[in-house]
Amino acid sequence: MELLKDKKRGSRKPTKVGEIIKLKIMPKYVIEREIPGAGKLTADQLKAISQTSCGVLSKMGPQIQWVHSYVTTDKIYCVYNAPNEEMVREHARQGGFPANSVSRVSTIIDPTTAE
């Protein structure tokens, strides 16, 4: 329970008892981008793509965030936090990136899920 200091008496008293704080968690999305030869892109090419993405994100504001991406032979899988799928697709449109599939993450599991 969070306590506030009473300036008059120097005592501590509880804040509103039973107050519920609701946190809104931003939805997470996985974007599949079909890019033939993605696995052969050079470090400079990946840097340029990243810079383009970051430039678009900067213009779109803090509601959309790029978490990270996985580069495979012919695809790049990107993980984004965004309020909705439309914003993810708008980022792709503005950046000139394909967004062949955009899927909202419903649950995240890892090895600790087995415990």
PDB file of N, CA and C in Angstrom:
ATOM      1  N   MET A   1       0.840  -1.162   0.000  1.00  0.00           N
ATOM      2  CA  MET A   1       0.000   0.000   0.000  1.00  0.00           C
ATOM      3  C   MET A   1       0.895   1.238   0.000  1.00  0.00           C
ATOM      4  N   GLU A   2       0.644   2.146  -0.937  1.00  0.00           N
ATOM      5  CA  GLU A   2       1.439   3.361  -1.012  1.00  0.00           C
ATOM      6  C   GLU A   2       1.050   4.290   0.134  1.00  0.00           C
ATOM      7  N   LEU A   3       2.042   4.853   0.778  1.00  0.00           N
ATOM      8  CA  LEU A   3       1.791   5.765   1.889  1.00  0.00           C
ATOM      9  C   LEU A   3       2.285   7.153   1.536  1.00  0.00           C
ATOM     10  N   LEU A   4       1.531   8.138   1.971  1.00  0.00           N
ATOM     11  CA  LEU A   4       1.928   9.534   1.772  1.00  0.00           C
ATOM     12  C   LEU A   4       2.255  10.159   3.110  1.00  0.00           C
ATOM     13  N   LYS A   5       3.176  11.062   3.100  1.00  0.00           N
ATOM     14  CA  LYS A   5       3.549  11.738   4.337  1.00  0.00           C
ATOM     15  C   LYS A   5       2.606  12.913   4.578  1.00  0.00           C
ATOM     16  N   ASP A   6       2.038  12.968   5.769  1.00  0.00           N
ATOM     17  CA  ASP A   6       1.174  14.080   6.171  1.00  0.00           C
ATOM     18  C   ASP A   6       2.098  15.203   6.625  1.00  0.00           C
ATOM     19  N   LYS A   7       2.136  16.296   5.866  1.00  0.00           N
ATOM     20  CA  LYS A   7       3.068  17.394   6.145  1.00  0.00           C
ATOM     21  C   LYS A   7       2.774  18.079   7.477  1.00  0.00           C
ATOM     22  N   LYS A   8       1.521  18.109   7.909  1.00  0.00           N
ATOM     23  CA  LYS A   8       1.171  18.813   9.144  1.00  0.00           C
ATOM     24  C   LYS A   8       1.678  18.096  10.382  1.00  0.00           C
ATOM     25  N   ARG A   9       1.477  16.796  10.449  1.00  0.00           N
ATOM     26  CA  ARG A   9       1.832  16.062  11.671  1.00  0.00           C
ATOM     27  C   ARG A   9       3.066  15.188  11.502  1.00  0.00           C
ATOM     28  N   GLY A  10       3.568  15.053  10.271  1.00  0.00           N
ATOM     29  CA  GLY A  10       4.727  14.205  10.059  1.00  0.00           C
ATOM     30  C   GLY A  10       4.392  12.721  10.120  1.00  0.00           C
ATOM     31  N   SER A  11       3.124  12.379  10.161  1.00  0.00           N
ATOM     32  CA  SER A  11       2.731  10.969  10.201  1.00  0.00           C
ATOM     33  C   SER A  11       2.517  10.459   8.784  1.00  0.00           C
ATOM     34  N   ARG A  12       2.345   9.172   8.661  1.00  0.00           N
ATOM     35  CA  ARG A  12       2.101   8.557   7.362  1.00  0.00           C
ATOM     36  C   ARG A  12       0.700   7.993   7.364  1.00  0.00           C
ATOM     37  N   LYS A  13      -0.021   8.173   6.272  1.00  0.00           N
ATOM     38  CA  LYS A  13      -1.371   7.635   6.173  1.00  0.00           C
ATOM     39  C   LYS A  13      -1.553   6.991   4.802  1.00  0.00           C
ATOM     40  N   PRO A  14      -2.416   5.996   4.713  1.00  0.00           N
ATOM     41  CA  PRO A  14      -2.621   5.320   3.430  1.00  0.00           C
ATOM     42  C   PRO A  14      -3.367   6.217   2.448  1.00  0.00           C
ATOM     43  N   THR A  15      -3.084   5.987   1.146  1.00  0.00           N
ATOM     44  CA  THR A  15      -3.859   6.669   0.105  1.00  0.00           C
ATOM     45  C   THR A  15      -5.219   5.990   0.038  1.00  0.00           C
ATOM     46  N   LYS A  16      -5.990   6.318  -0.943  1.00  0.00           N
ATOM     47  CA  LYS A  16      -7.339   5.766  -1.075  1.00  0.00           C
ATOM     48  C   LYS A  16      -7.305   4.239  -1.005  1.00  0.00           C
ATOM     49  N   VAL A  17      -7.939   3.692  -0.009  1.00  0.00           N
ATOM     50  CA  VAL A  17      -7.969   2.254   0.175  1.00  0.00           C
ATOM     51  C   VAL A  17      -8.886   1.646  -0.886  1.00  0.00           C
ATOM     52  N   GLY A  18      -8.456   0.559  -1.462  1.00  0.00           N
ATOM     53  CA  GLY A  18      -9.272  -0.136  -2.447  1.00  0.00           C
ATOM     54  C   GLY A  18      -9.193   0.464  -3.835  1.00  0.00           C
ATOM     55  N   GLU A  19      -8.354   1.474  -4.019  1.00  0.00           N
ATOM     56  CA  GLU A  19      -8.225   2.092  -5.333  1.00  0.00           C
ATOM     57  C   GLU A  19      -7.570   1.085  -6.272  1.00  0.00           C
ATOM     58  N   ILE A  20      -8.159   0.934  -7.433  1.00  0.00           N
ATOM     59  CA  ILE A  20      -7.632   0.002  -8.419  1.00  0.00           C
ATOM     60  C   ILE A  20      -6.975   0.805  -9.527  1.00  0.00           C
ATOM     61  N   ILE A  21      -5.768   0.426  -9.837  1.00  0.00           N
ATOM     62  CA  ILE A  21      -5.036   1.087 -10.910  1.00  0.00           C
ATOM     63  C   ILE A  21      -5.022   0.138 -12.093  1.00  0.00           C
ATOM     64  N   LYS A  22      -5.553   0.587 -13.220  1.00  0.00           N
ATOM     65  CA  LYS A  22      -5.574  -0.232 -14.423  1.00  0.00           C
ATOM     66  C   LYS A  22      -4.438   0.199 -15.328  1.00  0.00           C
ATOM     67  N   LEU A  23      -3.651  -0.764 -15.742  1.00  0.00           N
ATOM     68  CA  LEU A  23      -2.557  -0.505 -16.662  1.00  0.00           C
ATOM     69  C   LEU A  23      -2.953  -1.034 -18.030  1.00  0.00           C
ATOM     70  N   LYS A  24      -2.785  -0.220 -19.031  1.00  0.00           N
ATOM     71  CA  LYS A  24      -3.079  -0.668 -20.384  1.00  0.00           C
ATOM     72  C   LYS A  24      -1.774  -1.150 -21.000  1.00  0.00           C
ATOM     73  N   ILE A  25      -1.753  -2.396 -21.382  1.00  0.00           N
ATOM     74  CA  ILE A  25      -0.567  -2.983 -21.995  1.00  0.00           C
ATOM     75  C   ILE A  25      -0.713  -2.876 -23.506  1.00  0.00           C
ATOM     76  N   MET A  26       0.317  -2.348 -24.141  1.00  0.00           N
ATOM     77  CA  MET A  26       0.293  -2.161 -25.582  1.00  0.00           C
ATOM     78  C   MET A  26       0.324  -3.519 -26.282  1.00  0.00           C
ATOM     79  N   PRO A  27      -0.555  -3.736 -27.259  1.00  0.00           N
ATOM     80  CA  PRO A  27      -0.520  -4.988 -28.018  1.00  0.00           C
ATOM     81  C   PRO A  27       0.816  -5.154 -28.749  1.00  0.00           C
ATOM     82  N   LYS A  28       1.209  -6.395 -28.924  1.00  0.00           N
ATOM     83  CA  LYS A  28       2.452  -6.733 -29.614  1.00  0.00           C
ATOM     84  C   LYS A  28       2.080  -7.451 -30.913  1.00  0.00           C
ATOM     85  N   TYR A  29       2.814  -7.158 -31.979  1.00  0.00           N
ATOM     86  CA  TYR A  29       2.553  -7.753 -33.287  1.00  0.00           C
ATOM     87  C   TYR A  29       3.822  -8.359 -33.867  1.00  0.00           C
ATOM     88  N   VAL A  30       3.648  -9.442 -34.629  1.00  0.00           N
ATOM     89  CA  VAL A  30       4.735 -10.034 -35.402  1.00  0.00           C
ATOM     90  C   VAL A  30       4.403  -9.773 -36.868  1.00  0.00           C
ATOM     91  N   ILE A  31       5.349  -9.154 -37.569  1.00  0.00           N
ATOM     92  CA  ILE A  31       5.158  -8.816 -38.975  1.00  0.00           C
ATOM     93  C   ILE A  31       6.072  -9.699 -39.804  1.00  0.00           C
ATOM     94  N   GLU A  32       5.494 -10.364 -40.787  1.00  0.00           N
ATOM     95  CA  GLU A  32       6.278 -11.184 -41.710  1.00  0.00           C
ATOM     96  C   GLU A  32       6.480 -10.369 -42.985  1.00  0.00           C
ATOM     97  N   ARG A  33       7.738 -10.139 -43.328  1.00  0.00           N
ATOM     98  CA  ARG A  33       8.074  -9.371 -44.523  1.00  0.00           C
ATOM     99  C   ARG A  33       8.818 -10.289 -45.497  1.00  0.00           C
ATOM    100  N   GLU A  34       8.213 -10.569 -46.635  1.00  0.00           N
ATOM    101  CA  GLU A  34       8.863 -11.399 -47.651  1.00  0.00           C
ATOM    102  C   GLU A  34       9.823 -10.527 -48.441  1.00  0.00           C
ATOM    103  N   ILE A  35      11.110 -10.789 -48.245  1.00  0.00           N
ATOM    104  CA  ILE A  35      12.175 -10.033 -48.908  1.00  0.00           C
ATOM    105  C   ILE A  35      13.180 -11.049 -49.454  1.00  0.00           C
ATOM    106  N   PRO A  36      13.038 -11.425 -50.733  1.00  0.00           N
ATOM    107  CA  PRO A  36      13.958 -12.408 -51.309  1.00  0.00           C
ATOM    108  C   PRO A  36      15.413 -11.983 -51.101  1.00  0.00           C
ATOM    109  N   GLY A  37      16.213 -12.914 -50.607  1.00  0.00           N
ATOM    110  CA  GLY A  37      17.623 -12.645 -50.372  1.00  0.00           C
ATOM    111  C   GLY A  37      17.908 -11.857 -49.102  1.00  0.00           C
ATOM    112  N   ALA A  38      16.927 -11.749 -48.230  1.00  0.00           N
ATOM    113  CA  ALA A  38      17.106 -10.968 -46.992  1.00  0.00           C
ATOM    114  C   ALA A  38      18.335 -11.416 -46.209  1.00  0.00           C
ATOM    115  N   GLY A  39      18.581 -12.713 -46.182  1.00  0.00           N
ATOM    116  CA  GLY A  39      19.707 -13.250 -45.429  1.00  0.00           C
ATOM    117  C   GLY A  39      21.061 -12.853 -45.997  1.00  0.00           C
ATOM    118  N   LYS A  40      21.077 -12.350 -47.228  1.00  0.00           N
ATOM    119  CA  LYS A  40      22.329 -11.939 -47.858  1.00  0.00           C
ATOM    120  C   LYS A  40      22.532 -10.428 -47.826  1.00  0.00           C
ATOM    121  N   LEU A  41      21.607  -9.709 -47.178  1.00  0.00           N
ATOM    122  CA  LEU A  41      21.762  -8.259 -47.075  1.00  0.00           C
ATOM    123  C   LEU A  41      23.016  -7.940 -46.259  1.00  0.00           C
ATOM    124  N   THR A  42      23.743  -6.928 -46.695  1.00  0.00           N
ATOM    125  CA  THR A  42      24.968  -6.540 -45.991  1.00  0.00           C
ATOM    126  C   THR A  42      24.611  -5.746 -44.728  1.00  0.00           C
ATOM    127  N   ALA A  43      25.608  -5.565 -43.885  1.00  0.00           N
ATOM    128  CA  ALA A  43      25.411  -4.764 -42.678  1.00  0.00           C
ATOM    129  C   ALA A  43      24.996  -3.342 -43.043  1.00  0.00           C
ATOM    130  N   ASP A  44      25.568  -2.790 -44.101  1.00  0.00           N
ATOM    131  CA  ASP A  44      25.207  -1.435 -44.534  1.00  0.00           C
ATOM    132  C   ASP A  44      23.766  -1.379 -45.040  1.00  0.00           C
ATOM    133  N   GLN A  45      23.338  -2.410 -45.754  1.00  0.00           N
ATOM    134  CA  GLN A  45      21.957  -2.446 -46.240  1.00  0.00           C
ATOM    135  C   GLN A  45      20.974  -2.571 -45.074  1.00  0.00           C
ATOM    136  N   LEU A  46      21.302  -3.406 -44.112  1.00  0.00           N
ATOM    137  CA  LEU A  46      20.434  -3.557 -42.936  1.00  0.00           C
ATOM    138  C   LEU A  46      20.393  -2.258 -42.135  1.00  0.00           C
ATOM    139  N   LYS A  47      21.519  -1.568 -42.071  1.00  0.00           N
ATOM    140  CA  LYS A  47      21.564  -0.283 -41.375  1.00  0.00           C
ATOM    141  C   LYS A  47      20.656   0.728 -42.070  1.00  0.00           C
ATOM    142  N   ALA A  48      20.715   0.772 -43.393  1.00  0.00           N
ATOM    143  CA  ALA A  48      19.880   1.708 -44.155  1.00  0.00           C
ATOM    144  C   ALA A  48      18.394   1.402 -43.970  1.00  0.00           C
ATOM    145  N   ILE A  49      18.041   0.127 -43.992  1.00  0.00           N
ATOM    146  CA  ILE A  49      16.644  -0.273 -43.764  1.00  0.00           C
ATOM    147  C   ILE A  49      16.212   0.140 -42.362  1.00  0.00           C
ATOM    148  N   SER A  50      17.077  -0.093 -41.388  1.00  0.00           N
ATOM    149  CA  SER A  50      16.777   0.274 -40.002  1.00  0.00           C
ATOM    150  C   SER A  50      16.607   1.780 -39.852  1.00  0.00           C
ATOM    151  N   GLN A  51      17.460   2.537 -40.526  1.00  0.00           N
ATOM    152  CA  GLN A  51      17.359   3.995 -40.454  1.00  0.00           C
ATOM    153  C   GLN A  51      16.051   4.489 -41.063  1.00  0.00           C
ATOM    154  N   THR A  52      15.641   3.881 -42.161  1.00  0.00           N
ATOM    155  CA  THR A  52      14.364   4.244 -42.779  1.00  0.00           C
ATOM    156  C   THR A  52      13.224   3.959 -41.812  1.00  0.00           C
ATOM    157  N   SER A  53      13.244   2.774 -41.217  1.00  0.00           N
ATOM    158  CA  SER A  53      12.198   2.391 -40.267  1.00  0.00           C
ATOM    159  C   SER A  53      12.149   3.355 -39.088  1.00  0.00           C
ATOM    160  N   CYS A  54      13.310   3.660 -38.524  1.00  0.00           N
ATOM    161  CA  CYS A  54      13.360   4.561 -37.368  1.00  0.00           C
ATOM    162  C   CYS A  54      12.884   5.965 -37.728  1.00  0.00           C
ATOM    163  N   GLY A  55      13.172   6.417 -38.940  1.00  0.00           N
ATOM    164  CA  GLY A  55      12.708   7.721 -39.392  1.00  0.00           C
ATOM    165  C   GLY A  55      11.191   7.786 -39.462  1.00  0.00           C
ATOM    166  N   VAL A  56      10.588   6.730 -39.991  1.00  0.00           N
ATOM    167  CA  VAL A  56       9.116   6.662 -40.061  1.00  0.00           C
ATOM    168  C   VAL A  56       8.532   6.604 -38.652  1.00  0.00           C
ATOM    169  N   LEU A  57       9.122   5.781 -37.800  1.00  0.00           N
ATOM    170  CA  LEU A  57       8.633   5.669 -36.416  1.00  0.00           C
ATOM    171  C   LEU A  57       8.690   7.011 -35.709  1.00  0.00           C
ATOM    172  N   SER A  58       9.746   7.757 -35.935  1.00  0.00           N
ATOM    173  CA  SER A  58       9.900   9.066 -35.310  1.00  0.00           C
ATOM    174  C   SER A  58       8.763  10.007 -35.722  1.00  0.00           C
ATOM    175  N   LYS A  59       8.384   9.955 -36.986  1.00  0.00           N
ATOM    176  CA  LYS A  59       7.293  10.795 -37.489  1.00  0.00           C
ATOM    177  C   LYS A  59       5.935  10.338 -36.957  1.00  0.00           C
ATOM    178  N   MET A  60       5.796   9.026 -36.741  1.00  0.00           N
ATOM    179  CA  MET A  60       4.499   8.488 -36.302  1.00  0.00           C
ATOM    180  C   MET A  60       4.244   8.695 -34.811  1.00  0.00           C
ATOM    181  N   GLY A  61       5.297   8.919 -34.047  1.00  0.00           N
ATOM    182  CA  GLY A  61       5.120   9.163 -32.618  1.00  0.00           C
ATOM    183  C   GLY A  61       5.376   7.937 -31.760  1.00  0.00           C
ATOM    184  N   PRO A  62       5.295   8.110 -30.452  1.00  0.00           N
ATOM    185  CA  PRO A  62       5.684   7.058 -29.507  1.00  0.00           C
ATOM    186  C   PRO A  62       4.689   5.908 -29.363  1.00  0.00           C
ATOM    187  N   GLN A  63       3.550   5.986 -30.035  1.00  0.00           N
ATOM    188  CA  GLN A  63       2.559   4.919 -29.883  1.00  0.00           C
ATOM    189  C   GLN A  63       2.993   3.615 -30.528  1.00  0.00           C
ATOM    190  N   ILE A  64       3.887   3.694 -31.498  1.00  0.00           N
ATOM    191  CA  ILE A  64       4.369   2.493 -32.182  1.00  0.00           C
ATOM    192  C   ILE A  64       5.865   2.356 -31.926  1.00  0.00           C
ATOM    193  N   GLN A  65       6.272   1.132 -31.569  1.00  0.00           N
ATOM    194  CA  GLN A  65       7.674   0.884 -31.219  1.00  0.00           C
ATOM    195  C   GLN A  65       8.165  -0.392 -31.888  1.00  0.00           C
ATOM    196  N   TRP A  66       9.343  -0.306 -32.468  1.00  0.00           N
ATOM    197  CA  TRP A  66      10.002  -1.476 -33.039  1.00  0.00           C
ATOM    198  C   TRP A  66      10.791  -2.127 -31.914  1.00  0.00           C
ATOM    199  N   VAL A  67      10.529  -3.397 -31.643  1.00  0.00           N
ATOM    200  CA  VAL A  67      11.221  -4.116 -30.571  1.00  0.00           C
ATOM    201  C   VAL A  67      12.505  -4.742 -31.113  1.00  0.00           C
ATOM    202  N   HIS A  68      12.382  -5.585 -32.110  1.00  0.00           N
ATOM    203  CA  HIS A  68      13.531  -6.195 -32.778  1.00  0.00           C
ATOM    204  C   HIS A  68      13.039  -6.976 -33.989  1.00  0.00           C
ATOM    205  N   SER A  69      13.982  -7.488 -34.779  1.00  0.00           N
ATOM    206  CA  SER A  69      13.634  -8.261 -35.979  1.00  0.00           C
ATOM    207  C   SER A  69      14.563  -9.457 -36.113  1.00  0.00           C
ATOM    208  N   TYR A  70      14.053 -10.465 -36.802  1.00  0.00           N
ATOM    209  CA  TYR A  70      14.815 -11.677 -37.120  1.00  0.00           C
ATOM    210  C   TYR A  70      14.946 -11.758 -38.632  1.00  0.00           C
ATOM    211  N   VAL A  71      16.176 -11.826 -39.119  1.00  0.00           N
ATOM    212  CA  VAL A  71      16.420 -11.912 -40.553  1.00  0.00           C
ATOM    213  C   VAL A  71      16.692 -13.376 -40.902  1.00  0.00           C
ATOM    214  N   THR A  72      15.920 -13.896 -41.855  1.00  0.00           N
ATOM    215  CA  THR A  72      16.114 -15.265 -42.333  1.00  0.00           C
ATOM    216  C   THR A  72      16.470 -15.211 -43.821  1.00  0.00           C
ATOM    217  N   THR A  73      16.558 -16.351 -44.460  1.00  0.00           N
ATOM    218  CA  THR A  73      16.985 -16.416 -45.855  1.00  0.00           C
ATOM    219  C   THR A  73      16.202 -15.466 -46.768  1.00  0.00           C
ATOM    220  N   ASP A  74      14.876 -15.556 -46.736  1.00  0.00           N
ATOM    221  CA  ASP A  74      14.043 -14.760 -47.637  1.00  0.00           C
ATOM    222  C   ASP A  74      12.946 -13.957 -46.939  1.00  0.00           C
ATOM    223  N   LYS A  75      13.037 -13.846 -45.617  1.00  0.00           N
ATOM    224  CA  LYS A  75      12.019 -13.107 -44.869  1.00  0.00           C
ATOM    225  C   LYS A  75      12.649 -12.392 -43.684  1.00  0.00           C
ATOM    226  N   ILE A  76      11.989 -11.326 -43.276  1.00  0.00           N
ATOM    227  CA  ILE A  76      12.349 -10.652 -42.031  1.00  0.00           C
ATOM    228  C   ILE A  76      11.100 -10.648 -41.164  1.00  0.00           C
ATOM    229  N   TYR A  77      11.252 -11.114 -39.932  1.00  0.00           N
ATOM    230  CA  TYR A  77      10.156 -11.135 -38.969  1.00  0.00           C
ATOM    231  C   TYR A  77      10.426 -10.029 -37.952  1.00  0.00           C
ATOM    232  N   CYS A  78       9.499  -9.086 -37.868  1.00  0.00           N
ATOM    233  CA  CYS A  78       9.669  -7.936 -36.986  1.00  0.00           C
ATOM    234  C   CYS A  78       8.659  -7.996 -35.848  1.00  0.00           C
ATOM    235  N   VAL A  79       9.085  -7.571 -34.684  1.00  0.00           N
ATOM    236  CA  VAL A  79       8.206  -7.508 -33.521  1.00  0.00           C
ATOM    237  C   VAL A  79       7.998  -6.033 -33.186  1.00  0.00           C
ATOM    238  N   TYR A  80       6.736  -5.641 -33.115  1.00  0.00           N
ATOM    239  CA  TYR A  80       6.377  -4.247 -32.836  1.00  0.00           C
ATOM    240  C   TYR A  80       5.355  -4.176 -31.715  1.00  0.00           C
ATOM    241  N   ASN A  81       5.404  -3.105 -30.955  1.00  0.00           N
ATOM    242  CA  ASN A  81       4.341  -2.754 -30.020  1.00  0.00           C
ATOM    243  C   ASN A  81       3.569  -1.627 -30.697  1.00  0.00           C
ATOM    244  N   ALA A  82       2.254  -1.773 -30.771  1.00  0.00           N
ATOM    245  CA  ALA A  82       1.430  -0.753 -31.421  1.00  0.00           C
ATOM    246  C   ALA A  82      -0.007  -0.889 -30.928  1.00  0.00           C
ATOM    247  N   PRO A  83      -0.759   0.194 -30.974  1.00  0.00           N
ATOM    248  CA  PRO A  83      -2.135   0.120 -30.495  1.00  0.00           C
ATOM    249  C   PRO A  83      -3.050  -0.707 -31.380  1.00  0.00           C
ATOM    250  N   ASN A  84      -2.686  -0.849 -32.679  1.00  0.00           N
ATOM    251  CA  ASN A  84      -3.552  -1.612 -33.586  1.00  0.00           C
ATOM    252  C   ASN A  84      -2.779  -2.020 -34.842  1.00  0.00           C
ATOM    253  N   GLU A  85      -3.366  -2.951 -35.569  1.00  0.00           N
ATOM    254  CA  GLU A  85      -2.750  -3.458 -36.801  1.00  0.00           C
ATOM    255  C   GLU A  85      -2.630  -2.374 -37.862  1.00  0.00           C
ATOM    256  N   GLU A  86      -3.596  -1.488 -37.916  1.00  0.00           N
ATOM    257  CA  GLU A  86      -3.572  -0.434 -38.926  1.00  0.00           C
ATOM    258  C   GLU A  86      -2.319   0.432 -38.806  1.00  0.00           C
ATOM    259  N   MET A  87      -1.904   0.710 -37.579  1.00  0.00           N
ATOM    260  CA  MET A  87      -0.709   1.529 -37.388  1.00  0.00           C
ATOM    261  C   MET A  87       0.538   0.774 -37.863  1.00  0.00           C
ATOM    262  N   VAL A  88       0.581  -0.518 -37.643  1.00  0.00           N
ATOM    263  CA  VAL A  88       1.701  -1.332 -38.117  1.00  0.00           C
ATOM    264  C   VAL A  88       1.757  -1.300 -39.644  1.00  0.00           C
ATOM    265  N   ARG A  89       0.602  -1.442 -40.267  1.00  0.00           N
ATOM    266  CA  ARG A  89       0.549  -1.425 -41.735  1.00  0.00           C
ATOM    267  C   ARG A  89       0.891  -0.039 -42.295  1.00  0.00           C
ATOM    268  N   GLU A  90       0.501   1.006 -41.594  1.00  0.00           N
ATOM    269  CA  GLU A  90       0.830   2.367 -42.031  1.00  0.00           C
ATOM    270  C   GLU A  90       2.339   2.595 -41.970  1.00  0.00           C
ATOM    271  N   HIS A  91       2.991   2.066 -40.927  1.00  0.00           N
ATOM    272  CA  HIS A  91       4.454   2.153 -40.839  1.00  0.00           C
ATOM    273  C   HIS A  91       5.089   1.481 -42.053  1.00  0.00           C
ATOM    274  N   ALA A  92       4.591   0.299 -42.413  1.00  0.00           N
ATOM    275  CA  ALA A  92       5.131  -0.424 -43.567  1.00  0.00           C
ATOM    276  C   ALA A  92       4.920   0.379 -44.853  1.00  0.00           C
ATOM    277  N   ARG A  93       3.729   0.954 -45.003  1.00  0.00           N
ATOM    278  CA  ARG A  93       3.426   1.739 -46.204  1.00  0.00           C
ATOM    279  C   ARG A  93       4.364   2.941 -46.315  1.00  0.00           C
ATOM    280  N   GLN A  94       4.499   3.693 -45.229  1.00  0.00           N
ATOM    281  CA  GLN A  94       5.351   4.886 -45.259  1.00  0.00           C
ATOM    282  C   GLN A  94       6.819   4.546 -45.477  1.00  0.00           C
ATOM    283  N   GLY A  95       7.255   3.399 -44.962  1.00  0.00           N
ATOM    284  CA  GLY A  95       8.656   3.011 -45.106  1.00  0.00           C
ATOM    285  C   GLY A  95       8.966   2.276 -46.390  1.00  0.00           C
ATOM    286  N   GLY A  96       7.907   1.886 -47.118  1.00  0.00           N
ATOM    287  CA  GLY A  96       8.116   1.129 -48.351  1.00  0.00           C
ATOM    288  C   GLY A  96       8.482  -0.315 -48.094  1.00  0.00           C
ATOM    289  N   PHE A  97       8.062  -0.838 -46.934  1.00  0.00           N
ATOM    290  CA  PHE A  97       8.359  -2.225 -46.564  1.00  0.00           C
ATOM    291  C   PHE A  97       7.150  -3.115 -46.839  1.00  0.00           C
ATOM    292  N   PRO A  98       7.377  -4.364 -47.238  1.00  0.00           N
ATOM    293  CA  PRO A  98       6.242  -5.278 -47.319  1.00  0.00           C
ATOM    294  C   PRO A  98       5.771  -5.652 -45.912  1.00  0.00           C
ATOM    295  N   ALA A  99       4.506  -5.929 -45.809  1.00  0.00           N
ATOM    296  CA  ALA A  99       3.934  -6.465 -44.559  1.00  0.00           C
ATOM    297  C   ALA A  99       2.978  -7.557 -44.998  1.00  0.00           C
ATOM    298  N   ASN A 100       3.556  -8.694 -45.389  1.00  0.00           N
ATOM    299  CA  ASN A 100       2.765  -9.779 -45.953  1.00  0.00           C
ATOM    300  C   ASN A 100       1.801 -10.387 -44.948  1.00  0.00           C
ATOM    301  N   SER A 101       2.198 -10.361 -43.687  1.00  0.00           N
ATOM    302  CA  SER A 101       1.341 -10.884 -42.626  1.00  0.00           C
ATOM    303  C   SER A 101       1.594 -10.067 -41.367  1.00  0.00           C
ATOM    304  N   VAL A 102       0.508  -9.665 -40.713  1.00  0.00           N
ATOM    305  CA  VAL A 102       0.604  -8.958 -39.436  1.00  0.00           C
ATOM    306  C   VAL A 102      -0.267  -9.722 -38.459  1.00  0.00           C
ATOM    307  N   SER A 103       0.352 -10.279 -37.417  1.00  0.00           N
ATOM    308  CA  SER A 103      -0.370 -11.098 -36.447  1.00  0.00           C
ATOM    309  C   SER A 103      -0.202 -10.538 -35.045  1.00  0.00           C
ATOM    310  N   ARG A 104      -1.326 -10.382 -34.350  1.00  0.00           N
ATOM    311  CA  ARG A 104      -1.280  -9.907 -32.967  1.00  0.00           C
ATOM    312  C   ARG A 104      -0.857 -11.066 -32.064  1.00  0.00           C
ATOM    313  N   VAL A 105       0.080 -10.796 -31.174  1.00  0.00           N
ATOM    314  CA  VAL A 105       0.562 -11.811 -30.228  1.00  0.00           C
ATOM    315  C   VAL A 105      -0.477 -11.936 -29.118  1.00  0.00           C
ATOM    316  N   SER A 106      -0.911 -13.160 -28.874  1.00  0.00           N
ATOM    317  CA  SER A 106      -1.894 -13.365 -27.804  1.00  0.00           C
ATOM    318  C   SER A 106      -1.227 -13.777 -26.499  1.00  0.00           C
ATOM    319  N   THR A 107      -0.128 -14.507 -26.590  1.00  0.00           N
ATOM    320  CA  THR A 107       0.587 -14.970 -25.404  1.00  0.00           C
ATOM    321  C   THR A 107       2.048 -15.160 -25.757  1.00  0.00           C
ATOM    322  N   ILE A 108       2.905 -14.912 -24.804  1.00  0.00           N
ATOM    323  CA  ILE A 108       4.332 -15.177 -24.971  1.00  0.00           C
ATOM    324  C   ILE A 108       4.712 -16.304 -24.022  1.00  0.00           C
ATOM    325  N   ILE A 109       5.379 -17.314 -24.572  1.00  0.00           N
ATOM    326  CA  ILE A 109       5.856 -18.418 -23.745  1.00  0.00           C
ATOM    327  C   ILE A 109       7.371 -18.528 -23.905  1.00  0.00           C
ATOM    328  N   ASP A 110       8.004 -19.144 -22.923  1.00  0.00           N
ATOM    329  CA  ASP A 110       9.431 -19.394 -22.959  1.00  0.00           C
ATOM    330  C   ASP A 110       9.704 -20.608 -22.071  1.00  0.00           C
ATOM    331  N   PRO A 111      10.947 -20.987 -21.876  1.00  0.00           N
ATOM    332  CA  PRO A 111      11.217 -22.176 -21.062  1.00  0.00           C
ATOM    333  C   PRO A 111      10.642 -22.118 -19.650  1.00  0.00           C
ATOM    334  N   THR A 112      10.480 -20.928 -19.103  1.00  0.00           N
ATOM    335  CA  THR A 112       9.920 -20.844 -17.748  1.00  0.00           C
ATOM    336  C   THR A 112       8.442 -21.219 -17.714  1.00  0.00           C
ATOM    337  N   THR A 113       7.795 -21.238 -18.888  1.00  0.00           N
ATOM    338  CA  THR A 113       6.392 -21.650 -18.947  1.00  0.00           C
ATOM    339  C   THR A 113       6.241 -23.105 -18.521  1.00  0.00           C
ATOM    340  N   ALA A 114       7.283 -23.903 -18.696  1.00  0.00           N
ATOM    341  CA  ALA A 114       7.240 -25.322 -18.343  1.00  0.00           C
ATOM    342  C   ALA A 114       7.364 -25.565 -16.844  1.00  0.00           C
ATOM    343  N   GLU A 115       7.734 -24.553 -16.110  1.00  0.00           N
ATOM    344  CA  GLU A 115       7.960 -24.732 -14.669  1.00  0.00           C
ATOM    345  C   GLU A 115       6.654 -24.809 -13.906  1.00  0.00           C
TER     346      GLU A 115
END
